[in-house]
Amino acid sequence: MISIDEQIKIISKGAAEIIDIQDLRKKLEQSIKENRPLTVKLGLDPTAPDIHLGHSVVLRKIRQMQDLGHKAIIIIGDFTGMIGDPTGKSKARKQLSKEEVLINAKTYEEQIFKILRKDSTEVRFNSEWLSKMNFRDVIDLASKYTVARMLEREDFKNRFDNNLSVGIHEFFYPLMQAYDSVCIKADIELGGTDQRFNVLMGRTIQKDYGMESQVALFMPLLEGTDGKEKMSKSLGNYIGINEDPKDIYGKAMSIPDSMIIKYFELTTDIHPDTINEIKNRLENGKANPRDIKMELAKEVVKLYHGEEQAEAAEEYFKKVFQCKEIPKELPSISLSQSNIGDVRDIINIITSTGLTGSKSEARRLLSQGAIKLNNEKITENMQIEEECILQVGKKNFLKITL
């Protein structure tokens, strides 16, 4: 049996805040005494279904708790999603239709099992209980919290102070999320640090319904590959868990050295004692940050694609980026089969095959010397006259046949 101290060490790894540790210890003691797994809650609003490493932070933490013997209840907010979480927004969120919510929810449900264990995960939709509430139930729930307390929430307060509208329906989002905790009898609720208000309300509401309050566990937001902004698909600084293993590896290698330990803590399941050893090696100059980053990249690929693909991605990186070799297996295109206008024009080829997003980007890369033809840099557009290998940037190769 895993000791309470060991469980707390693993649960606390990388966490921004736990409210509070003593409550967590008591729940773990009770769990062992009753031989009952703790119920770990995570609510997902199905509005952004493509999971990247930033989204995976809380899911990885839940997986770690599952490996300790606890169970997860993932609440797909099909009902709350029709309001939209107002967290961090300067105006009300667009309300989603039921059809939009269910499509996104299905995508989420498919992706979370790349991380979570199916045998100890229960997926629930909060319409199961929220849609059955009558108006009396709603008034009773609303009576548990005051407007003054609601306006302590920063986004509501800012909008109110600046005479921007705050819909009454938006007040119900955190109330409904809190009521989810009542309905499933959550022992622990996870969330990012931006969910602090909502998760803490769950502690309050559970107590109002005569229950023991859940432990609130907050995970920090993960910066993207630029090391500055929150990981986001729109900013292009993300690492998608469904991406090609070589791309995941290459992107992980591009993070700043200052982010290495944080990525180990938040995106892997490596034991905190091992991470402390890695940290000491870096701080004492006993390890090259590049080598440690390769360990990180390989570990991340292994989590989502397995050991074999991780080995292959590492080998590819060594050949292409360290040894400057062209990989043996390349995607190829036959110009005679292509339908891109002037089939021999390099700008057309690069753009039409998706190696760049636009012709202007292709021209910019050309002018910067970031495009090679048969391993030789070219800086101007030209016509292809023979079979060749085209390289765009550091990792995109294309074999061209005539």
Protein backbone atom coordinates (compact mmCIF):
# COMPACT_ATOMS: atom_id res chain seq x y z
CA MET A 1 0.00 0.00 0.00
CA ILE A 2 1.30 3.45 -0.89
CA SER A 3 1.84 5.58 2.20
CA ILE A 4 -0.04 8.84 2.75
CA ASP A 5 3.19 10.86 2.67
CA GLU A 6 4.15 9.29 -0.66
CA GLN A 7 0.69 9.97 -2.09
CA ILE A 8 0.84 13.62 -0.98
CA LYS A 9 4.29 13.97 -2.56
CA ILE A 10 3.00 12.71 -5.93
CA ILE A 11 -0.29 14.65 -5.78
CA SER A 12 1.57 17.85 -4.86
CA LYS A 13 4.13 17.58 -7.69
CA GLY A 14 3.90 20.72 -9.82
CA ALA A 15 0.74 21.96 -8.08
CA ALA A 16 0.36 25.73 -7.72
CA GLU A 17 -1.83 25.46 -4.60
CA ILE A 18 -3.74 22.88 -2.57
CA ILE A 19 -6.56 23.98 -0.27
CA ASP A 20 -5.70 22.47 1.94
CA ILE A 21 -3.04 19.86 2.65
CA GLN A 22 -4.53 18.90 6.04
CA ASP A 23 -7.91 18.23 4.42
CA LEU A 24 -6.15 16.13 1.80
CA ARG A 25 -4.33 14.13 4.47
CA LYS A 26 -7.62 13.46 6.32
CA LYS A 27 -9.31 12.30 3.13
CA LEU A 28 -6.42 9.97 2.30
CA GLU A 29 -6.51 8.53 5.84
CA GLN A 30 -10.26 7.95 5.47
CA SER A 31 -9.73 6.40 2.04
CA ILE A 32 -7.26 3.87 3.45
CA LYS A 33 -9.39 3.15 6.52
CA GLU A 34 -12.55 2.52 4.46
CA ASN A 35 -10.69 0.91 1.54
CA ARG A 36 -12.47 3.43 -0.70
CA PRO A 37 -10.90 5.38 -3.57
CA LEU A 38 -11.24 9.15 -3.47
CA THR A 39 -13.45 10.74 -6.12
CA VAL A 40 -11.41 13.18 -8.18
CA LYS A 41 -13.45 15.66 -10.22
CA LEU A 42 -12.58 17.59 -13.35
CA GLY A 43 -15.14 19.63 -15.24
CA LEU A 44 -14.65 20.20 -18.96
CA ASP A 45 -16.60 22.69 -20.99
CA PRO A 46 -16.59 21.25 -24.51
CA THR A 47 -15.65 24.45 -26.32
CA ALA A 48 -12.06 23.70 -27.43
CA PRO A 49 -11.79 19.99 -28.19
CA ASP A 50 -8.22 19.76 -29.53
CA ILE A 51 -6.10 18.78 -26.53
CA HIS A 52 -2.51 20.02 -26.34
CA LEU A 53 0.06 19.74 -23.54
CA GLY A 54 -1.40 22.80 -21.83
CA HIS A 55 -4.76 21.04 -21.49
CA SER A 56 -3.04 17.81 -20.47
CA VAL A 57 -1.59 19.26 -17.23
CA VAL A 58 -4.69 18.58 -15.11
CA LEU A 59 -5.38 15.29 -16.92
CA ARG A 60 -1.87 14.03 -16.16
CA LYS A 61 -2.37 14.91 -12.49
CA ILE A 62 -5.61 12.93 -12.45
CA ARG A 63 -3.82 9.99 -14.11
CA GLN A 64 -1.20 10.09 -11.35
CA MET A 65 -3.98 9.92 -8.74
CA GLN A 66 -5.61 7.04 -10.63
CA ASP A 67 -2.28 5.19 -10.46
CA LEU A 68 -2.44 5.73 -6.69
CA GLY A 69 -5.79 3.89 -6.66
CA HIS A 70 -8.31 6.73 -6.86
CA LYS A 71 -11.11 7.21 -9.38
CA ALA A 72 -11.88 10.10 -11.70
CA ILE A 73 -15.22 11.57 -12.63
CA ILE A 74 -14.94 13.76 -15.70
CA ILE A 75 -17.93 16.04 -16.01
CA ILE A 76 -18.63 17.13 -19.55
CA GLY A 77 -20.43 20.43 -19.17
CA ASP A 78 -23.04 19.92 -21.84
CA PHE A 79 -25.45 22.01 -19.76
CA THR A 80 -23.02 24.66 -18.46
CA GLY A 81 -21.45 24.80 -21.92
CA MET A 82 -24.65 26.34 -23.20
CA ILE A 83 -23.85 29.33 -20.94
CA GLY A 84 -20.09 29.40 -21.45
CA ASP A 85 -17.50 29.95 -18.72
CA PRO A 86 -17.09 33.72 -18.24
CA THR A 87 -13.66 33.30 -16.61
CA GLY A 88 -11.23 35.93 -17.88
CA LYS A 89 -13.69 37.33 -20.39
CA SER A 90 -14.47 41.02 -20.85
CA LYS A 91 -17.92 40.19 -22.15
CA ALA A 92 -20.42 37.35 -22.02
CA ARG A 93 -19.46 34.19 -23.88
CA LYS A 94 -21.43 33.16 -26.95
CA GLN A 95 -23.87 30.49 -25.87
CA LEU A 96 -23.41 27.20 -27.73
CA SER A 97 -26.24 25.18 -29.14
CA LYS A 98 -26.88 21.71 -27.76
CA GLU A 99 -25.68 20.21 -31.05
CA GLU A 100 -22.38 22.15 -30.94
CA VAL A 101 -21.82 21.16 -27.33
CA LEU A 102 -22.40 17.44 -27.99
CA ILE A 103 -20.09 17.37 -31.02
CA ASN A 104 -17.28 18.97 -29.01
CA ALA A 105 -18.02 16.75 -26.01
CA LYS A 106 -17.65 13.61 -28.12
CA THR A 107 -14.24 14.79 -29.35
CA TYR A 108 -13.12 15.47 -25.79
CA GLU A 109 -14.33 12.06 -24.63
CA GLU A 110 -12.26 10.39 -27.34
CA GLN A 111 -9.10 12.34 -26.51
CA ILE A 112 -9.01 12.17 -22.70
CA PHE A 113 -8.41 8.43 -22.77
CA LYS A 114 -5.03 9.02 -24.35
CA ILE A 115 -4.13 10.09 -20.81
CA LEU A 116 -6.66 8.70 -18.33
CA ARG A 117 -7.28 5.07 -17.39
CA LYS A 118 -10.63 3.84 -18.66
CA ASP A 119 -10.99 1.34 -15.83
CA SER A 120 -11.04 4.09 -13.18
CA THR A 121 -12.73 6.90 -15.11
CA GLU A 122 -16.40 7.74 -15.21
CA VAL A 123 -17.64 10.29 -17.75
CA ARG A 124 -20.80 12.14 -16.78
CA PHE A 125 -22.77 14.92 -18.46
CA ASN A 126 -24.05 17.56 -16.03
CA SER A 127 -27.36 17.83 -17.85
CA GLU A 128 -28.06 14.56 -16.01
CA TRP A 129 -28.91 16.55 -12.87
CA LEU A 130 -28.99 20.21 -13.92
CA SER A 131 -31.72 19.72 -16.55
CA LYS A 132 -33.96 18.13 -13.90
CA MET A 133 -33.86 21.08 -11.52
CA ASN A 134 -37.12 23.01 -11.18
CA PHE A 135 -37.32 26.73 -10.46
CA ARG A 136 -37.55 26.13 -6.72
CA ASP A 137 -34.30 24.15 -6.85
CA VAL A 138 -32.63 26.96 -8.81
CA ILE A 139 -33.73 29.62 -6.30
CA ASP A 140 -32.49 27.44 -3.45
CA LEU A 141 -29.09 27.09 -5.13
CA ALA A 142 -28.90 30.83 -5.88
CA SER A 143 -29.64 31.61 -2.22
CA LYS A 144 -26.36 29.98 -1.18
CA TYR A 145 -24.26 32.86 -2.53
CA THR A 146 -24.49 36.66 -2.50
CA VAL A 147 -24.07 39.22 -5.28
CA ALA A 148 -21.30 40.86 -3.25
CA ARG A 149 -19.36 37.58 -3.19
CA MET A 150 -19.95 37.09 -6.92
CA LEU A 151 -18.52 40.55 -7.61
CA GLU A 152 -15.33 39.58 -5.79
CA ARG A 153 -14.57 37.62 -8.92
CA GLU A 154 -12.17 39.73 -10.94
CA ASP A 155 -13.74 39.48 -14.38
CA PHE A 156 -17.23 40.25 -13.04
CA LYS A 157 -15.86 43.13 -10.94
CA ASN A 158 -13.94 44.67 -13.85
CA ARG A 159 -16.96 44.55 -16.12
CA PHE A 160 -19.23 45.97 -13.42
CA ASP A 161 -16.78 48.80 -12.59
CA ASN A 162 -16.48 49.68 -16.27
CA ASN A 163 -20.25 49.72 -16.84
CA LEU A 164 -20.07 46.65 -19.07
CA SER A 165 -22.96 44.24 -18.95
CA VAL A 166 -22.90 41.20 -16.69
CA GLY A 167 -25.76 38.83 -17.44
CA ILE A 168 -27.53 37.28 -14.47
CA HIS A 169 -27.25 33.92 -16.24
CA GLU A 170 -23.44 34.23 -15.99
CA PHE A 171 -23.70 34.11 -12.18
CA PHE A 172 -25.16 30.63 -12.55
CA TYR A 173 -22.07 29.19 -14.24
CA PRO A 174 -19.93 28.97 -11.06
CA LEU A 175 -23.01 27.95 -9.06
CA MET A 176 -23.73 25.08 -11.43
CA GLN A 177 -20.10 23.99 -11.47
CA ALA A 178 -20.19 23.97 -7.66
CA TYR A 179 -23.46 21.99 -7.66
CA ASP A 180 -21.75 19.36 -9.84
CA SER A 181 -19.46 18.69 -6.87
CA VAL A 182 -22.51 18.16 -4.65
CA CYS A 183 -24.11 15.70 -7.05
CA ILE A 184 -21.05 13.48 -7.48
CA LYS A 185 -19.80 13.91 -3.87
CA ALA A 186 -16.37 15.05 -5.04
CA ASP A 187 -13.43 14.59 -2.68
CA ILE A 188 -10.97 16.57 -4.79
CA GLU A 189 -11.57 19.00 -7.64
CA LEU A 190 -8.83 19.99 -10.05
CA GLY A 191 -8.56 23.14 -12.07
CA GLY A 192 -6.10 25.63 -13.51
CA THR A 193 -5.23 28.67 -11.43
CA ASP A 194 -7.72 30.63 -13.52
CA GLN A 195 -10.50 28.42 -12.08
CA ARG A 196 -9.83 29.35 -8.45
CA PHE A 197 -13.15 31.15 -7.88
CA ASN A 198 -15.24 28.35 -9.38
CA VAL A 199 -13.49 25.48 -7.59
CA LEU A 200 -13.52 27.20 -4.19
CA MET A 201 -17.24 27.84 -4.60
CA GLY A 202 -17.62 24.06 -4.79
CA ARG A 203 -16.11 23.81 -1.29
CA THR A 204 -18.62 26.36 0.00
CA ILE A 205 -21.69 24.89 -1.67
CA GLN A 206 -20.90 21.33 -0.55
CA LYS A 207 -20.81 22.56 3.04
CA ASP A 208 -24.18 24.33 2.55
CA TYR A 209 -25.64 21.00 1.43
CA GLY A 210 -24.32 19.29 4.59
CA MET A 211 -21.36 17.59 2.92
CA GLU A 212 -17.65 17.47 3.66
CA SER A 213 -15.86 20.08 1.52
CA GLN A 214 -13.75 18.94 -1.40
CA VAL A 215 -10.01 19.61 -1.59
CA ALA A 216 -9.19 22.23 -4.22
CA LEU A 217 -6.08 21.41 -6.26
CA PHE A 218 -4.88 24.09 -8.66
CA MET A 219 -2.38 23.41 -11.42
CA PRO A 220 -0.39 26.26 -12.97
CA LEU A 221 -0.98 27.36 -16.54
CA LEU A 222 1.68 26.02 -18.90
CA GLU A 223 3.63 28.43 -21.07
CA GLY A 224 4.02 27.39 -24.68
CA THR A 225 7.20 26.64 -26.62
CA ASP A 226 8.07 30.36 -26.59
CA GLY A 227 8.35 30.20 -22.79
CA LYS A 228 6.31 33.39 -22.43
CA GLU A 229 2.64 33.12 -23.35
CA LYS A 230 0.13 30.52 -22.14
CA MET A 231 0.16 27.54 -24.51
CA SER A 232 -2.42 28.24 -27.17
CA LYS A 233 -3.22 26.96 -30.62
CA SER A 234 -4.02 30.49 -31.81
CA LEU A 235 -0.54 31.68 -30.76
CA GLY A 236 1.14 28.73 -32.49
CA ASN A 237 3.20 27.89 -29.38
CA TYR A 238 1.45 24.61 -28.63
CA ILE A 239 2.41 20.92 -28.70
CA GLY A 240 -0.59 18.80 -29.64
CA ILE A 241 -0.84 15.32 -28.14
CA ASN A 242 -2.10 13.97 -31.48
CA GLU A 243 0.76 15.45 -33.50
CA ASP A 244 3.35 13.37 -35.31
CA PRO A 245 5.94 12.00 -32.83
CA LYS A 246 8.77 13.77 -34.70
CA ASP A 247 6.92 17.09 -34.40
CA ILE A 248 6.25 16.61 -30.68
CA TYR A 249 9.91 15.78 -30.11
CA GLY A 250 11.15 18.73 -32.16
CA LYS A 251 8.79 21.19 -30.49
CA ALA A 252 9.76 19.97 -27.02
CA MET A 253 13.41 20.54 -27.93
CA SER A 254 12.59 24.15 -28.85
CA ILE A 255 11.43 25.23 -25.38
CA PRO A 256 13.74 27.59 -23.44
CA ASP A 257 16.11 25.95 -20.97
CA SER A 258 14.37 27.82 -18.16
CA MET A 259 11.20 25.80 -18.80
CA ILE A 260 12.74 22.31 -18.63
CA ILE A 261 11.88 21.53 -15.01
CA LYS A 262 8.38 22.97 -15.28
CA TYR A 263 7.67 20.77 -18.32
CA PHE A 264 8.99 17.72 -16.44
CA GLU A 265 6.68 18.55 -13.52
CA LEU A 266 3.55 19.33 -15.52
CA THR A 267 3.69 17.23 -18.69
CA THR A 268 5.23 13.94 -17.51
CA ASP A 269 4.53 11.32 -14.85
CA ILE A 270 8.15 11.17 -13.68
CA HIS A 271 8.46 10.84 -9.90
CA PRO A 272 9.18 14.12 -8.03
CA ASP A 273 12.39 12.65 -6.49
CA THR A 274 13.75 11.98 -9.99
CA ILE A 275 12.82 15.50 -11.10
CA ASN A 276 14.69 16.91 -8.11
CA GLU A 277 17.77 14.92 -9.19
CA ILE A 278 17.46 16.35 -12.72
CA LYS A 279 17.11 19.85 -11.26
CA ASN A 280 20.27 19.38 -9.18
CA ARG A 281 22.21 18.13 -12.21
CA LEU A 282 21.23 21.25 -14.13
CA GLU A 283 21.92 23.67 -11.30
CA ASN A 284 25.32 22.12 -10.52
CA GLY A 285 26.39 22.15 -14.16
CA LYS A 286 26.65 18.35 -14.21
CA ALA A 287 24.35 18.05 -17.23
CA ASN A 288 24.00 19.79 -20.57
CA PRO A 289 20.49 21.36 -20.81
CA ARG A 290 20.23 20.01 -24.37
CA ASP A 291 20.71 16.43 -23.15
CA ILE A 292 18.14 16.88 -20.38
CA LYS A 293 15.74 18.37 -22.90
CA MET A 294 16.18 15.28 -25.06
CA GLU A 295 15.17 13.14 -22.07
CA LEU A 296 12.08 15.35 -21.69
CA ALA A 297 11.16 15.22 -25.39
CA LYS A 298 11.49 11.45 -25.46
CA GLU A 299 9.37 11.07 -22.32
CA VAL A 300 6.57 13.23 -23.74
CA VAL A 301 6.50 11.33 -27.04
CA LYS A 302 6.49 8.01 -25.15
CA LEU A 303 3.41 9.05 -23.15
CA TYR A 304 1.29 9.56 -26.28
CA HIS A 305 2.89 7.32 -28.94
CA GLY A 306 4.82 4.61 -27.09
CA GLU A 307 8.46 3.66 -26.60
CA GLU A 308 9.14 2.61 -30.19
CA GLN A 309 7.90 5.88 -31.69
CA ALA A 310 9.83 7.84 -29.05
CA GLU A 311 13.05 6.06 -30.04
CA ALA A 312 12.37 6.76 -33.73
CA ALA A 313 11.62 10.45 -33.06
CA GLU A 314 14.87 10.80 -31.13
CA GLU A 315 16.84 9.10 -33.89
CA TYR A 316 15.25 11.38 -36.47
CA PHE A 317 16.13 14.45 -34.40
CA LYS A 318 19.74 13.34 -34.03
CA LYS A 319 20.13 12.73 -37.75
CA VAL A 320 18.41 15.87 -38.99
CA PHE A 321 19.30 18.42 -36.35
CA GLN A 322 22.53 17.21 -34.78
CA CYS A 323 24.21 15.41 -37.68
CA LYS A 324 22.56 17.56 -40.39
CA GLU A 325 21.55 14.43 -42.31
CA ILE A 326 18.56 14.14 -44.59
CA PRO A 327 16.23 11.38 -43.34
CA LYS A 328 15.91 8.26 -45.49
CA GLU A 329 12.12 8.21 -45.53
CA LEU A 330 10.61 11.39 -46.94
CA PRO A 331 7.16 12.47 -48.09
CA SER A 332 7.24 12.85 -51.86
CA ILE A 333 5.32 14.60 -54.61
CA SER A 334 5.29 14.00 -58.34
CA LEU A 335 5.08 17.24 -60.29
CA SER A 336 3.33 15.50 -63.16
CA GLN A 337 0.51 14.56 -60.78
CA SER A 338 0.25 17.86 -58.97
CA ASN A 339 -2.35 20.52 -59.65
CA ILE A 340 -0.63 23.69 -58.49
CA GLY A 341 -0.44 25.97 -61.50
CA ASP A 342 3.22 26.30 -62.44
CA VAL A 343 4.28 22.87 -61.17
CA ARG A 344 8.04 23.63 -61.28
CA ASP A 345 7.85 26.89 -59.35
CA ILE A 346 9.31 26.46 -55.82
CA ILE A 347 7.01 29.05 -54.21
CA ASN A 348 3.97 27.24 -55.65
CA ILE A 349 5.25 23.84 -54.51
CA ILE A 350 6.00 24.99 -50.96
CA THR A 351 2.65 26.71 -50.54
CA SER A 352 0.43 24.08 -52.18
CA THR A 353 1.96 21.21 -50.20
CA GLY A 354 1.35 22.98 -46.90
CA LEU A 355 5.03 23.51 -46.02
CA THR A 356 4.12 27.16 -45.50
CA GLY A 357 0.79 28.84 -44.86
CA SER A 358 1.08 31.42 -47.64
CA LYS A 359 3.21 32.59 -50.54
CA SER A 360 4.35 35.61 -48.56
CA GLU A 361 5.66 33.30 -45.83
CA ALA A 362 7.46 31.20 -48.45
CA ARG A 363 9.10 34.34 -49.90
CA ARG A 364 10.15 35.45 -46.41
CA LEU A 365 11.74 32.07 -45.69
CA LEU A 366 13.54 32.21 -49.03
CA SER A 367 14.97 35.65 -48.28
CA GLN A 368 16.14 34.42 -44.86
CA GLY A 369 17.97 31.44 -46.34
CA ALA A 370 15.65 29.00 -44.55
CA ILE A 371 14.98 26.93 -47.70
CA LYS A 372 17.40 24.39 -49.14
CA LEU A 373 17.46 22.50 -52.42
CA ASN A 374 19.55 19.32 -52.23
CA ASN A 375 21.09 20.63 -48.98
CA GLU A 376 22.11 23.95 -50.58
CA LYS A 377 20.55 27.22 -49.41
CA ILE A 378 18.56 29.17 -51.99
CA THR A 379 17.43 32.77 -51.55
CA GLU A 380 15.39 33.37 -54.71
CA ASN A 381 12.47 31.64 -56.37
CA MET A 382 13.42 29.28 -59.15
CA GLN A 383 12.18 26.52 -61.41
CA ILE A 384 12.86 22.88 -60.57
CA GLU A 385 14.50 21.06 -63.46
CA GLU A 386 15.32 17.68 -61.94
CA GLU A 387 14.45 15.35 -59.11
CA CYS A 388 15.50 16.90 -55.83
CA ILE A 389 14.96 17.18 -52.07
CA LEU A 390 13.42 20.39 -50.80
CA GLN A 391 13.89 21.43 -47.17
CA VAL A 392 11.84 24.20 -45.54
CA GLY A 393 13.05 25.29 -42.11
CA LYS A 394 14.79 22.74 -39.93
CA LYS A 395 12.42 19.80 -40.06
CA ASN A 396 10.19 19.85 -43.16
CA PHE A 397 11.47 17.78 -46.11
CA LEU A 398 9.86 16.96 -49.45
CA LYS A 399 11.16 14.68 -52.17
CA ILE A 400 10.20 15.99 -55.61
CA THR A 401 10.02 13.72 -58.65
CA LEU A 402 9.31 14.80 -62.20
